[in-house]
């Protein structure tokens, strides 16, 4: 392994180790010493790769969205009608917020309100990532209008996608607050109604 590859591996290792800590405790509550101890790297290594905790947080978010958008692309590009692909996406969302790991695997839910007031760069990373999600949902809605599976959906696919994303984000936050999946079940019903779907199981 060359030096560049080894360096990238160490950087990614720090990000991978820190991810569950941030999901559990948030950005402010996780100190640099905890990250270093979990990753088993010296302080100098951290600053070599990130420069500051803010830069580290931005990198965490960029990595999160890179993986999330890749998963979204996979879900929304499977064969079949667009309505079926959207169904798979939102069921995947529901599954990711419930069950044994219901603490939430969504960094937008966990860090959104916290870091937007702390770091402009992190806020921009969140805004860019969420725009990417909404754009993909909008494209799938447009595809559904063309294939007839979402013929009853509102005309403005971008606005519909934004409304759906906002609804699910809010439902995820409420599910976290209440420790109850019912807000997500309500979001699923609302999604069916907004898209004009008669079957959404």
N, C-alpha and C. Protein backbone atom coordinates (compact mmCIF):
# COMPACT_ATOMS: atom_id res chain seq x y z
N UNK A 1 0.85 -1.19 0.00
CA UNK A 1 0.00 0.00 0.00
C UNK A 1 0.89 1.24 0.00
N UNK A 2 0.61 2.19 -0.92
CA UNK A 2 1.43 3.39 -0.96
C UNK A 2 1.02 4.37 0.12
N UNK A 3 1.83 5.43 0.28
CA UNK A 3 1.60 6.37 1.38
C UNK A 3 0.26 7.08 1.27
N UNK A 4 -0.12 7.43 0.03
CA UNK A 4 -1.40 8.14 -0.16
C UNK A 4 -2.57 7.26 0.24
N UNK A 5 -2.52 5.99 -0.13
CA UNK A 5 -3.61 5.07 0.22
C UNK A 5 -3.66 4.85 1.72
N UNK A 6 -2.50 4.72 2.34
CA UNK A 6 -2.46 4.53 3.80
C UNK A 6 -3.02 5.75 4.51
N UNK A 7 -2.69 6.94 4.01
CA UNK A 7 -3.19 8.18 4.60
C UNK A 7 -4.71 8.26 4.49
N UNK A 8 -5.23 7.89 3.31
CA UNK A 8 -6.68 7.90 3.11
C UNK A 8 -7.36 6.91 4.03
N UNK A 9 -6.74 5.77 4.25
CA UNK A 9 -7.31 4.75 5.13
C UNK A 9 -7.40 5.26 6.58
N UNK A 10 -6.35 5.94 7.04
CA UNK A 10 -6.36 6.47 8.41
C UNK A 10 -7.44 7.54 8.54
N UNK A 11 -7.51 8.41 7.57
CA UNK A 11 -8.54 9.47 7.59
C UNK A 11 -9.93 8.86 7.65
N UNK A 12 -10.17 7.86 6.79
CA UNK A 12 -11.49 7.22 6.77
C UNK A 12 -11.77 6.47 8.06
N UNK A 13 -10.74 5.88 8.63
CA UNK A 13 -10.90 5.17 9.91
C UNK A 13 -11.38 6.12 11.00
N UNK A 14 -10.80 7.31 11.06
CA UNK A 14 -11.22 8.30 12.06
C UNK A 14 -12.68 8.66 11.84
N UNK A 15 -13.07 8.88 10.60
CA UNK A 15 -14.46 9.23 10.29
C UNK A 15 -15.40 8.09 10.65
N UNK A 16 -15.01 6.86 10.32
CA UNK A 16 -15.87 5.70 10.59
C UNK A 16 -16.08 5.50 12.09
N UNK A 17 -15.01 5.66 12.85
CA UNK A 17 -15.10 5.48 14.30
C UNK A 17 -15.94 6.58 14.94
N UNK A 18 -15.81 7.79 14.43
CA UNK A 18 -16.52 8.92 15.03
C UNK A 18 -18.01 8.93 14.71
N UNK A 19 -18.38 8.34 13.59
CA UNK A 19 -19.78 8.40 13.15
C UNK A 19 -20.77 7.93 14.23
N UNK A 20 -20.60 6.72 14.79
CA UNK A 20 -21.55 6.29 15.82
C UNK A 20 -21.50 7.15 17.08
N UNK A 21 -20.34 7.72 17.39
CA UNK A 21 -20.25 8.62 18.55
C UNK A 21 -21.11 9.85 18.34
N UNK A 22 -21.06 10.41 17.14
CA UNK A 22 -21.85 11.60 16.84
C UNK A 22 -23.35 11.27 16.81
N UNK A 23 -23.69 10.10 16.28
CA UNK A 23 -25.10 9.69 16.29
C UNK A 23 -25.62 9.52 17.71
N UNK A 24 -24.76 9.07 18.60
CA UNK A 24 -25.17 8.82 19.97
C UNK A 24 -25.22 10.09 20.81
N UNK A 25 -24.19 10.95 20.66
CA UNK A 25 -24.04 12.08 21.59
C UNK A 25 -24.21 13.45 20.97
N UNK A 26 -24.11 13.54 19.65
CA UNK A 26 -24.12 14.84 19.02
C UNK A 26 -22.72 15.38 18.80
N UNK A 27 -22.61 16.51 18.13
CA UNK A 27 -21.30 17.05 17.75
C UNK A 27 -20.59 17.71 18.93
N UNK A 28 -21.28 18.55 19.66
CA UNK A 28 -20.65 19.31 20.74
C UNK A 28 -20.21 18.41 21.88
N UNK A 29 -21.01 17.41 22.21
CA UNK A 29 -20.73 16.58 23.37
C UNK A 29 -19.58 15.61 23.16
N UNK A 30 -19.22 15.35 21.90
CA UNK A 30 -18.12 14.44 21.63
C UNK A 30 -16.83 15.26 21.53
N UNK A 31 -15.95 15.06 22.46
CA UNK A 31 -14.70 15.80 22.48
C UNK A 31 -13.64 15.15 21.62
N UNK A 32 -12.62 15.92 21.31
CA UNK A 32 -11.53 15.41 20.50
C UNK A 32 -10.84 14.22 21.17
N UNK A 33 -10.67 14.29 22.49
CA UNK A 33 -10.00 13.20 23.21
C UNK A 33 -10.77 11.89 23.04
N UNK A 34 -12.09 11.94 23.04
CA UNK A 34 -12.90 10.73 22.87
C UNK A 34 -12.74 10.16 21.47
N UNK A 35 -12.71 11.04 20.48
CA UNK A 35 -12.52 10.60 19.10
C UNK A 35 -11.15 9.94 18.94
N UNK A 36 -10.12 10.58 19.49
CA UNK A 36 -8.76 10.05 19.38
C UNK A 36 -8.64 8.69 20.07
N UNK A 37 -9.25 8.57 21.25
CA UNK A 37 -9.19 7.31 21.98
C UNK A 37 -9.90 6.20 21.21
N UNK A 38 -11.06 6.52 20.65
CA UNK A 38 -11.81 5.51 19.92
C UNK A 38 -11.09 5.08 18.64
N UNK A 39 -10.46 6.05 17.98
CA UNK A 39 -9.77 5.75 16.73
C UNK A 39 -8.35 5.22 16.95
N UNK A 40 -7.85 5.40 18.18
CA UNK A 40 -6.48 4.97 18.53
C UNK A 40 -5.45 5.65 17.62
N UNK A 41 -5.60 6.96 17.48
CA UNK A 41 -4.63 7.75 16.71
C UNK A 41 -4.16 8.92 17.57
N UNK A 42 -2.95 9.40 17.36
CA UNK A 42 -2.45 10.55 18.13
C UNK A 42 -3.10 11.85 17.68
N UNK A 43 -3.04 12.83 18.56
CA UNK A 43 -3.65 14.13 18.29
C UNK A 43 -3.10 14.75 17.01
N UNK A 44 -1.82 14.59 16.79
CA UNK A 44 -1.21 15.14 15.59
C UNK A 44 -1.79 14.58 14.31
N UNK A 45 -2.16 13.32 14.33
CA UNK A 45 -2.76 12.70 13.14
C UNK A 45 -4.11 13.33 12.82
N UNK A 46 -4.89 13.58 13.86
CA UNK A 46 -6.20 14.20 13.65
C UNK A 46 -6.04 15.53 12.94
N UNK A 47 -5.18 16.38 13.44
CA UNK A 47 -5.01 17.71 12.85
C UNK A 47 -4.33 17.65 11.49
N UNK A 48 -3.59 16.61 11.23
CA UNK A 48 -3.00 16.43 9.90
C UNK A 48 -4.10 16.23 8.86
N UNK A 49 -5.13 15.48 9.24
CA UNK A 49 -6.18 15.15 8.28
C UNK A 49 -7.30 16.18 8.24
N UNK A 50 -7.57 16.86 9.34
CA UNK A 50 -8.76 17.72 9.41
C UNK A 50 -8.49 19.19 9.74
N UNK A 51 -7.45 19.49 10.43
CA UNK A 51 -7.15 20.88 10.72
C UNK A 51 -7.91 21.46 11.88
N UNK A 52 -9.17 21.10 12.02
CA UNK A 52 -10.00 21.60 13.13
C UNK A 52 -11.17 20.65 13.32
N UNK A 53 -11.83 20.78 14.45
CA UNK A 53 -13.01 19.93 14.69
C UNK A 53 -14.12 20.30 13.71
N UNK A 54 -14.22 21.57 13.36
CA UNK A 54 -15.23 21.98 12.39
C UNK A 54 -14.99 21.33 11.03
N UNK A 55 -13.73 21.31 10.59
CA UNK A 55 -13.40 20.66 9.32
C UNK A 55 -13.70 19.17 9.39
N UNK A 56 -13.44 18.59 10.54
CA UNK A 56 -13.76 17.18 10.76
C UNK A 56 -15.27 16.96 10.65
N UNK A 57 -16.07 17.81 11.30
CA UNK A 57 -17.52 17.68 11.22
C UNK A 57 -18.03 17.80 9.80
N UNK A 58 -17.45 18.72 9.05
CA UNK A 58 -17.83 18.87 7.64
C UNK A 58 -17.52 17.60 6.86
N UNK A 59 -16.35 17.02 7.13
CA UNK A 59 -15.96 15.77 6.45
C UNK A 59 -16.89 14.62 6.82
N UNK A 60 -17.30 14.56 8.08
CA UNK A 60 -18.25 13.52 8.50
C UNK A 60 -19.55 13.64 7.71
N UNK A 61 -20.06 14.86 7.60
CA UNK A 61 -21.32 15.07 6.88
C UNK A 61 -21.18 14.76 5.40
N UNK A 62 -20.07 15.16 4.81
CA UNK A 62 -19.86 14.87 3.39
C UNK A 62 -19.78 13.37 3.15
N UNK A 63 -19.11 12.66 4.03
CA UNK A 63 -19.04 11.21 3.90
C UNK A 63 -20.40 10.56 4.08
N UNK A 64 -21.15 11.06 5.05
CA UNK A 64 -22.49 10.53 5.30
C UNK A 64 -23.38 10.69 4.07
N UNK A 65 -23.39 11.90 3.51
CA UNK A 65 -24.25 12.13 2.35
C UNK A 65 -23.77 11.36 1.12
N UNK A 66 -22.48 11.19 0.97
CA UNK A 66 -21.97 10.41 -0.16
C UNK A 66 -22.52 8.99 -0.12
N UNK A 67 -22.50 8.38 1.06
CA UNK A 67 -23.02 7.02 1.21
C UNK A 67 -24.55 7.01 1.09
N UNK A 68 -25.20 8.00 1.69
CA UNK A 68 -26.66 8.03 1.68
C UNK A 68 -27.18 8.22 0.26
N UNK A 69 -26.57 9.13 -0.49
CA UNK A 69 -27.03 9.38 -1.85
C UNK A 69 -26.76 8.18 -2.75
N UNK A 70 -25.67 7.47 -2.51
CA UNK A 70 -25.40 6.26 -3.28
C UNK A 70 -26.48 5.20 -3.00
N UNK A 71 -26.88 5.09 -1.74
CA UNK A 71 -27.94 4.14 -1.39
C UNK A 71 -29.27 4.58 -2.01
N UNK A 72 -29.54 5.88 -1.96
CA UNK A 72 -30.76 6.40 -2.57
C UNK A 72 -30.78 6.12 -4.07
N UNK A 73 -29.66 6.36 -4.73
CA UNK A 73 -29.58 6.08 -6.17
C UNK A 73 -29.87 4.61 -6.45
N UNK A 74 -29.34 3.73 -5.60
CA UNK A 74 -29.58 2.30 -5.80
C UNK A 74 -31.06 1.96 -5.64
N UNK A 75 -31.69 2.53 -4.64
CA UNK A 75 -33.10 2.25 -4.39
C UNK A 75 -34.00 2.82 -5.48
N UNK A 76 -33.63 3.98 -6.00
CA UNK A 76 -34.50 4.66 -6.97
C UNK A 76 -34.19 4.28 -8.41
N UNK A 77 -33.24 3.39 -8.61
CA UNK A 77 -32.89 2.99 -9.98
C UNK A 77 -33.17 1.52 -10.24
N UNK A 78 -33.83 0.85 -9.31
CA UNK A 78 -34.16 -0.55 -9.53
C UNK A 78 -35.23 -0.67 -10.61
N UNK A 79 -35.32 -1.82 -11.26
CA UNK A 79 -36.36 -2.00 -12.29
C UNK A 79 -37.75 -1.88 -11.69
N UNK A 80 -38.68 -1.44 -12.52
CA UNK A 80 -40.06 -1.34 -12.08
C UNK A 80 -40.59 0.07 -12.14
N UNK A 81 -41.88 0.25 -11.88
CA UNK A 81 -42.48 1.58 -11.91
C UNK A 81 -41.87 2.51 -10.86
N UNK A 82 -41.88 3.80 -11.16
CA UNK A 82 -41.30 4.77 -10.23
C UNK A 82 -42.00 4.75 -8.88
N UNK A 83 -43.31 4.54 -8.86
CA UNK A 83 -44.04 4.48 -7.59
C UNK A 83 -43.49 3.37 -6.70
N UNK A 84 -43.16 2.26 -7.30
CA UNK A 84 -42.60 1.13 -6.55
C UNK A 84 -41.22 1.48 -5.99
N UNK A 85 -40.43 2.22 -6.78
CA UNK A 85 -39.10 2.62 -6.33
C UNK A 85 -39.18 3.61 -5.17
N UNK A 86 -40.11 4.56 -5.26
CA UNK A 86 -40.31 5.49 -4.15
C UNK A 86 -40.77 4.76 -2.90
N UNK A 87 -41.64 3.78 -3.10
CA UNK A 87 -42.10 2.97 -1.97
C UNK A 87 -40.92 2.29 -1.28
N UNK A 88 -40.02 1.74 -2.06
CA UNK A 88 -38.85 1.08 -1.49
C UNK A 88 -37.99 2.07 -0.71
N UNK A 89 -37.85 3.28 -1.24
CA UNK A 89 -37.04 4.30 -0.56
C UNK A 89 -37.63 4.65 0.80
N UNK A 90 -38.93 4.93 0.84
CA UNK A 90 -39.53 5.35 2.10
C UNK A 90 -39.66 4.19 3.10
N UNK A 91 -39.84 2.99 2.63
CA UNK A 91 -39.81 1.84 3.55
C UNK A 91 -38.40 1.65 4.11
N UNK A 92 -37.40 1.89 3.29
CA UNK A 92 -36.02 1.82 3.78
C UNK A 92 -35.80 2.87 4.86
N UNK A 93 -36.33 4.07 4.64
CA UNK A 93 -36.22 5.14 5.64
C UNK A 93 -36.87 4.70 6.94
N UNK A 94 -38.10 4.17 6.84
CA UNK A 94 -38.81 3.73 8.04
C UNK A 94 -37.99 2.66 8.78
N UNK A 95 -37.47 1.70 8.03
CA UNK A 95 -36.69 0.63 8.66
C UNK A 95 -35.45 1.17 9.36
N UNK A 96 -34.85 2.21 8.79
CA UNK A 96 -33.61 2.75 9.36
C UNK A 96 -33.87 3.52 10.66
N UNK A 97 -35.11 3.88 10.91
CA UNK A 97 -35.44 4.67 12.09
C UNK A 97 -36.15 3.86 13.17
N UNK A 98 -36.39 2.59 12.90
CA UNK A 98 -37.11 1.75 13.85
C UNK A 98 -36.32 0.48 14.11
N UNK A 99 -36.82 -0.33 15.02
CA UNK A 99 -36.16 -1.59 15.33
C UNK A 99 -35.09 -1.41 16.40
N UNK A 100 -34.14 -2.32 16.39
CA UNK A 100 -33.12 -2.34 17.44
C UNK A 100 -32.23 -1.12 17.43
N UNK A 101 -32.08 -0.48 16.27
CA UNK A 101 -31.22 0.70 16.18
C UNK A 101 -32.05 1.96 15.99
N UNK A 102 -33.18 2.02 16.65
CA UNK A 102 -34.12 3.12 16.48
C UNK A 102 -33.60 4.45 17.00
N UNK A 103 -32.42 4.43 17.60
CA UNK A 103 -31.79 5.67 18.04
C UNK A 103 -31.68 6.65 16.87
N UNK A 104 -31.76 6.16 15.66
CA UNK A 104 -31.69 6.91 14.42
C UNK A 104 -30.30 6.85 13.84
N UNK A 105 -30.27 6.50 12.58
CA UNK A 105 -29.01 6.46 11.85
C UNK A 105 -28.88 7.68 10.95
N UNK A 106 -29.72 8.68 11.17
CA UNK A 106 -29.76 9.85 10.31
C UNK A 106 -29.01 11.01 10.96
N UNK A 107 -27.90 11.39 10.37
CA UNK A 107 -27.13 12.51 10.91
C UNK A 107 -27.83 13.84 10.71
N UNK A 108 -28.72 13.94 9.73
CA UNK A 108 -29.48 15.18 9.56
C UNK A 108 -30.39 15.40 10.76
N UNK A 109 -31.07 14.34 11.20
CA UNK A 109 -31.94 14.44 12.37
C UNK A 109 -31.11 14.74 13.62
N UNK A 110 -29.98 14.05 13.76
CA UNK A 110 -29.18 14.19 14.97
C UNK A 110 -28.46 15.52 15.06
N UNK A 111 -27.87 15.98 13.96
CA UNK A 111 -26.98 17.13 14.02
C UNK A 111 -27.56 18.41 13.42
N UNK A 112 -28.62 18.29 12.64
CA UNK A 112 -29.12 19.43 11.88
C UNK A 112 -29.26 20.72 12.67
N UNK A 113 -30.10 20.71 13.68
CA UNK A 113 -30.35 21.94 14.44
C UNK A 113 -29.12 22.37 15.22
N UNK A 114 -28.35 21.40 15.70
CA UNK A 114 -27.19 21.72 16.53
C UNK A 114 -26.09 22.42 15.75
N UNK A 115 -25.66 21.86 14.65
CA UNK A 115 -24.46 22.39 14.00
C UNK A 115 -24.73 23.58 13.10
N UNK A 116 -25.97 23.77 12.67
CA UNK A 116 -26.25 24.92 11.80
C UNK A 116 -25.99 26.24 12.51
N UNK A 117 -26.10 26.24 13.82
CA UNK A 117 -25.81 27.45 14.59
C UNK A 117 -24.35 27.55 15.01
N UNK A 118 -23.59 26.48 14.79
CA UNK A 118 -22.19 26.45 15.20
C UNK A 118 -21.23 26.70 14.05
N UNK A 119 -21.57 26.22 12.88
CA UNK A 119 -20.62 26.22 11.77
C UNK A 119 -21.33 26.46 10.45
N UNK A 120 -20.93 27.52 9.76
CA UNK A 120 -21.51 27.79 8.44
C UNK A 120 -21.12 26.71 7.44
N UNK A 121 -19.89 26.22 7.53
CA UNK A 121 -19.46 25.17 6.60
C UNK A 121 -20.25 23.88 6.79
N UNK A 122 -20.55 23.55 8.02
CA UNK A 122 -21.34 22.35 8.28
C UNK A 122 -22.79 22.57 7.85
N UNK A 123 -23.29 23.77 8.04
CA UNK A 123 -24.65 24.08 7.58
C UNK A 123 -24.74 23.92 6.06
N UNK A 124 -23.73 24.43 5.36
CA UNK A 124 -23.71 24.33 3.91
C UNK A 124 -23.63 22.86 3.46
N UNK A 125 -22.84 22.06 4.17
CA UNK A 125 -22.75 20.63 3.85
C UNK A 125 -24.11 19.95 4.02
N UNK A 126 -24.81 20.30 5.07
CA UNK A 126 -26.16 19.75 5.28
C UNK A 126 -27.12 20.21 4.19
N UNK A 127 -27.06 21.49 3.84
CA UNK A 127 -27.96 22.02 2.81
C UNK A 127 -27.69 21.36 1.46
N UNK A 128 -26.42 21.20 1.13
CA UNK A 128 -26.05 20.57 -0.14
C UNK A 128 -26.52 19.12 -0.17
N UNK A 129 -26.32 18.41 0.91
CA UNK A 129 -26.73 17.01 0.95
C UNK A 129 -28.23 16.83 0.86
N UNK A 130 -28.97 17.65 1.59
CA UNK A 130 -30.43 17.51 1.56
C UNK A 130 -30.99 17.93 0.21
N UNK A 131 -30.37 18.91 -0.44
CA UNK A 131 -30.81 19.26 -1.80
C UNK A 131 -30.62 18.08 -2.75
N UNK A 132 -29.53 17.34 -2.55
CA UNK A 132 -29.29 16.17 -3.38
C UNK A 132 -30.37 15.10 -3.21
N UNK A 133 -30.81 14.91 -1.99
CA UNK A 133 -31.87 13.93 -1.73
C UNK A 133 -33.17 14.37 -2.40
N UNK A 134 -33.53 15.63 -2.19
CA UNK A 134 -34.79 16.14 -2.76
C UNK A 134 -34.75 16.08 -4.28
N UNK A 135 -33.61 16.40 -4.88
CA UNK A 135 -33.50 16.35 -6.35
C UNK A 135 -33.74 14.93 -6.87
N UNK A 136 -33.23 13.93 -6.16
CA UNK A 136 -33.42 12.55 -6.59
C UNK A 136 -34.88 12.12 -6.44
N UNK A 137 -35.51 12.54 -5.36
CA UNK A 137 -36.94 12.23 -5.19
C UNK A 137 -37.76 12.89 -6.28
N UNK A 138 -37.43 14.14 -6.60
CA UNK A 138 -38.16 14.87 -7.65
C UNK A 138 -38.01 14.17 -8.99
N UNK A 139 -36.81 13.71 -9.30
CA UNK A 139 -36.58 13.02 -10.57
C UNK A 139 -37.40 11.73 -10.64
N UNK A 140 -37.51 11.03 -9.51
CA UNK A 140 -38.30 9.80 -9.49
C UNK A 140 -39.79 10.10 -9.64
N UNK A 141 -40.24 11.19 -9.05
CA UNK A 141 -41.65 11.59 -9.22
C UNK A 141 -41.93 11.93 -10.68
N UNK A 142 -41.01 12.65 -11.31
CA UNK A 142 -41.16 12.97 -12.73
C UNK A 142 -41.22 11.68 -13.56
N UNK A 143 -40.37 10.73 -13.21
CA UNK A 143 -40.38 9.45 -13.93
C UNK A 143 -41.71 8.74 -13.75
N UNK A 144 -42.29 8.86 -12.55
CA UNK A 144 -43.58 8.24 -12.28
C UNK A 144 -44.71 8.87 -13.07
N UNK A 145 -44.59 10.16 -13.32
CA UNK A 145 -45.60 10.83 -14.15
C UNK A 145 -45.52 10.31 -15.58
N UNK A 146 -44.28 10.06 -16.03
CA UNK A 146 -44.09 9.58 -17.39
C UNK A 146 -44.53 8.13 -17.55
N UNK A 147 -44.26 7.30 -16.53
CA UNK A 147 -44.64 5.89 -16.68
C UNK A 147 -46.07 5.61 -16.21
N UNK A 148 -46.73 6.64 -15.68
CA UNK A 148 -48.13 6.51 -15.30
C UNK A 148 -48.36 6.02 -13.88
N UNK A 149 -47.31 5.62 -13.18
CA UNK A 149 -47.51 5.09 -11.83
C UNK A 149 -47.74 6.18 -10.79
N UNK A 150 -47.40 7.43 -11.13
CA UNK A 150 -47.63 8.56 -10.23
C UNK A 150 -48.42 9.65 -10.96
N UNK A 151 -49.34 9.21 -11.79
CA UNK A 151 -50.11 10.16 -12.61
C UNK A 151 -50.93 11.11 -11.76
N UNK A 152 -51.31 10.69 -10.55
CA UNK A 152 -52.15 11.52 -9.69
C UNK A 152 -51.35 12.42 -8.76
N UNK A 153 -50.04 12.35 -8.83
CA UNK A 153 -49.19 13.19 -7.97
C UNK A 153 -49.31 14.65 -8.39
N UNK A 154 -49.04 15.59 -7.48
CA UNK A 154 -49.09 17.01 -7.84
C UNK A 154 -48.18 17.32 -9.01
N UNK A 155 -48.50 18.39 -9.74
CA UNK A 155 -47.78 18.73 -10.96
C UNK A 155 -46.33 19.11 -10.70
N UNK A 156 -46.07 19.81 -9.61
CA UNK A 156 -44.72 20.30 -9.32
C UNK A 156 -43.94 19.22 -8.57
N UNK A 157 -43.12 18.48 -9.31
CA UNK A 157 -42.39 17.37 -8.70
C UNK A 157 -41.38 17.85 -7.67
N UNK A 158 -40.73 18.98 -7.91
CA UNK A 158 -39.73 19.49 -6.97
C UNK A 158 -40.38 19.88 -5.64
N UNK A 159 -41.50 20.59 -5.71
CA UNK A 159 -42.20 20.98 -4.49
C UNK A 159 -42.74 19.76 -3.75
N UNK A 160 -43.22 18.77 -4.49
CA UNK A 160 -43.72 17.53 -3.88
C UNK A 160 -42.60 16.78 -3.18
N UNK A 161 -41.45 16.70 -3.84
CA UNK A 161 -40.30 16.02 -3.24
C UNK A 161 -39.86 16.73 -1.97
N UNK A 162 -39.83 18.06 -2.00
CA UNK A 162 -39.43 18.82 -0.82
C UNK A 162 -40.42 18.59 0.32
N UNK A 163 -41.72 18.58 0.00
CA UNK A 163 -42.73 18.36 1.03
C UNK A 163 -42.59 16.97 1.65
N UNK A 164 -42.33 15.97 0.82
CA UNK A 164 -42.16 14.61 1.33
C UNK A 164 -40.93 14.52 2.23
N UNK A 165 -39.83 15.10 1.79
CA UNK A 165 -38.61 15.03 2.59
C UNK A 165 -38.80 15.74 3.93
N UNK A 166 -39.40 16.92 3.89
CA UNK A 166 -39.64 17.66 5.13
C UNK A 166 -40.55 16.88 6.07
N UNK A 167 -41.56 16.24 5.51
CA UNK A 167 -42.50 15.46 6.31
C UNK A 167 -41.78 14.29 7.00
N UNK A 168 -40.94 13.58 6.24
CA UNK A 168 -40.24 12.44 6.81
C UNK A 168 -39.16 12.86 7.80
N UNK A 169 -38.52 13.98 7.54
CA UNK A 169 -37.52 14.48 8.48
C UNK A 169 -38.18 14.84 9.80
N UNK A 170 -39.31 15.54 9.73
CA UNK A 170 -40.05 15.89 10.94
C UNK A 170 -40.56 14.66 11.67
N UNK A 171 -41.04 13.69 10.90
CA UNK A 171 -41.54 12.45 11.52
C UNK A 171 -40.41 11.70 12.22
N UNK A 172 -39.22 11.71 11.63
CA UNK A 172 -38.08 11.04 12.25
C UNK A 172 -37.70 11.71 13.56
N UNK A 173 -37.77 13.04 13.58
CA UNK A 173 -37.47 13.76 14.82
C UNK A 173 -38.52 13.46 15.89
N UNK A 174 -39.78 13.45 15.50
CA UNK A 174 -40.84 13.15 16.47
C UNK A 174 -40.73 11.71 16.97
N UNK A 175 -40.38 10.79 16.08
CA UNK A 175 -40.21 9.40 16.51
C UNK A 175 -39.08 9.29 17.53
N UNK A 176 -38.06 10.10 17.34
CA UNK A 176 -36.94 10.11 18.29
C UNK A 176 -37.38 10.69 19.63
N UNK A 177 -38.16 11.76 19.58
CA UNK A 177 -38.64 12.41 20.80
C UNK A 177 -39.57 11.49 21.59
N UNK A 178 -40.49 10.85 20.88
CA UNK A 178 -41.51 10.03 21.53
C UNK A 178 -41.09 8.58 21.76
N UNK A 179 -39.97 8.18 21.11
CA UNK A 179 -39.56 6.77 21.10
C UNK A 179 -40.70 5.86 20.65
N UNK A 180 -41.34 6.30 19.58
CA UNK A 180 -42.52 5.63 19.05
C UNK A 180 -42.49 5.78 17.53
N UNK A 181 -42.78 4.72 16.81
CA UNK A 181 -42.71 4.76 15.36
C UNK A 181 -43.96 5.35 14.72
N UNK A 182 -44.97 5.69 15.50
CA UNK A 182 -46.23 6.14 14.91
C UNK A 182 -46.07 7.40 14.03
N UNK A 183 -45.18 8.36 14.35
CA UNK A 183 -45.02 9.49 13.42
C UNK A 183 -44.54 9.04 12.04
N UNK A 184 -43.73 8.01 11.99
CA UNK A 184 -43.26 7.50 10.71
C UNK A 184 -44.37 6.76 9.96
N UNK A 185 -45.21 6.05 10.70
CA UNK A 185 -46.36 5.41 10.06
C UNK A 185 -47.31 6.46 9.48
N UNK A 186 -47.47 7.56 10.22
CA UNK A 186 -48.30 8.66 9.72
C UNK A 186 -47.69 9.27 8.47
N UNK A 187 -46.36 9.41 8.46
CA UNK A 187 -45.67 9.94 7.28
C UNK A 187 -45.89 9.03 6.07
N UNK A 188 -45.93 7.73 6.30
CA UNK A 188 -46.16 6.78 5.22
C UNK A 188 -47.55 6.97 4.63
N UNK A 189 -48.54 7.16 5.50
CA UNK A 189 -49.91 7.40 5.04
C UNK A 189 -49.97 8.72 4.27
N UNK A 190 -49.33 9.76 4.81
CA UNK A 190 -49.32 11.05 4.14
C UNK A 190 -48.64 10.99 2.79
N UNK A 191 -47.62 10.18 2.67
CA UNK A 191 -46.91 10.02 1.40
C UNK A 191 -47.84 9.41 0.36
N UNK A 192 -48.56 8.39 0.77
CA UNK A 192 -49.52 7.75 -0.13
C UNK A 192 -50.56 8.74 -0.61
N UNK A 193 -51.07 9.54 0.32
CA UNK A 193 -52.10 10.51 -0.04
C UNK A 193 -51.56 11.59 -0.97
N UNK A 194 -50.36 12.11 -0.67
CA UNK A 194 -49.80 13.18 -1.48
C UNK A 194 -49.50 12.71 -2.90
N UNK A 195 -49.03 11.48 -3.02
CA UNK A 195 -48.68 10.96 -4.34
C UNK A 195 -49.87 10.36 -5.09
N UNK A 196 -51.02 10.28 -4.41
CA UNK A 196 -52.20 9.74 -5.05
C UNK A 196 -52.12 8.25 -5.29
N UNK A 197 -51.46 7.54 -4.37
CA UNK A 197 -51.31 6.10 -4.52
C UNK A 197 -52.46 5.38 -3.83
N UNK A 198 -53.01 4.39 -4.49
CA UNK A 198 -54.08 3.61 -3.88
C UNK A 198 -53.52 2.39 -3.18
N UNK A 199 -52.35 1.93 -3.61
CA UNK A 199 -51.69 0.78 -2.97
C UNK A 199 -50.32 1.24 -2.53
N UNK A 200 -50.04 1.08 -1.25
CA UNK A 200 -48.72 1.49 -0.73
C UNK A 200 -48.43 0.66 0.51
N UNK A 201 -48.01 -0.57 0.27
CA UNK A 201 -47.82 -1.50 1.38
C UNK A 201 -46.36 -1.81 1.57
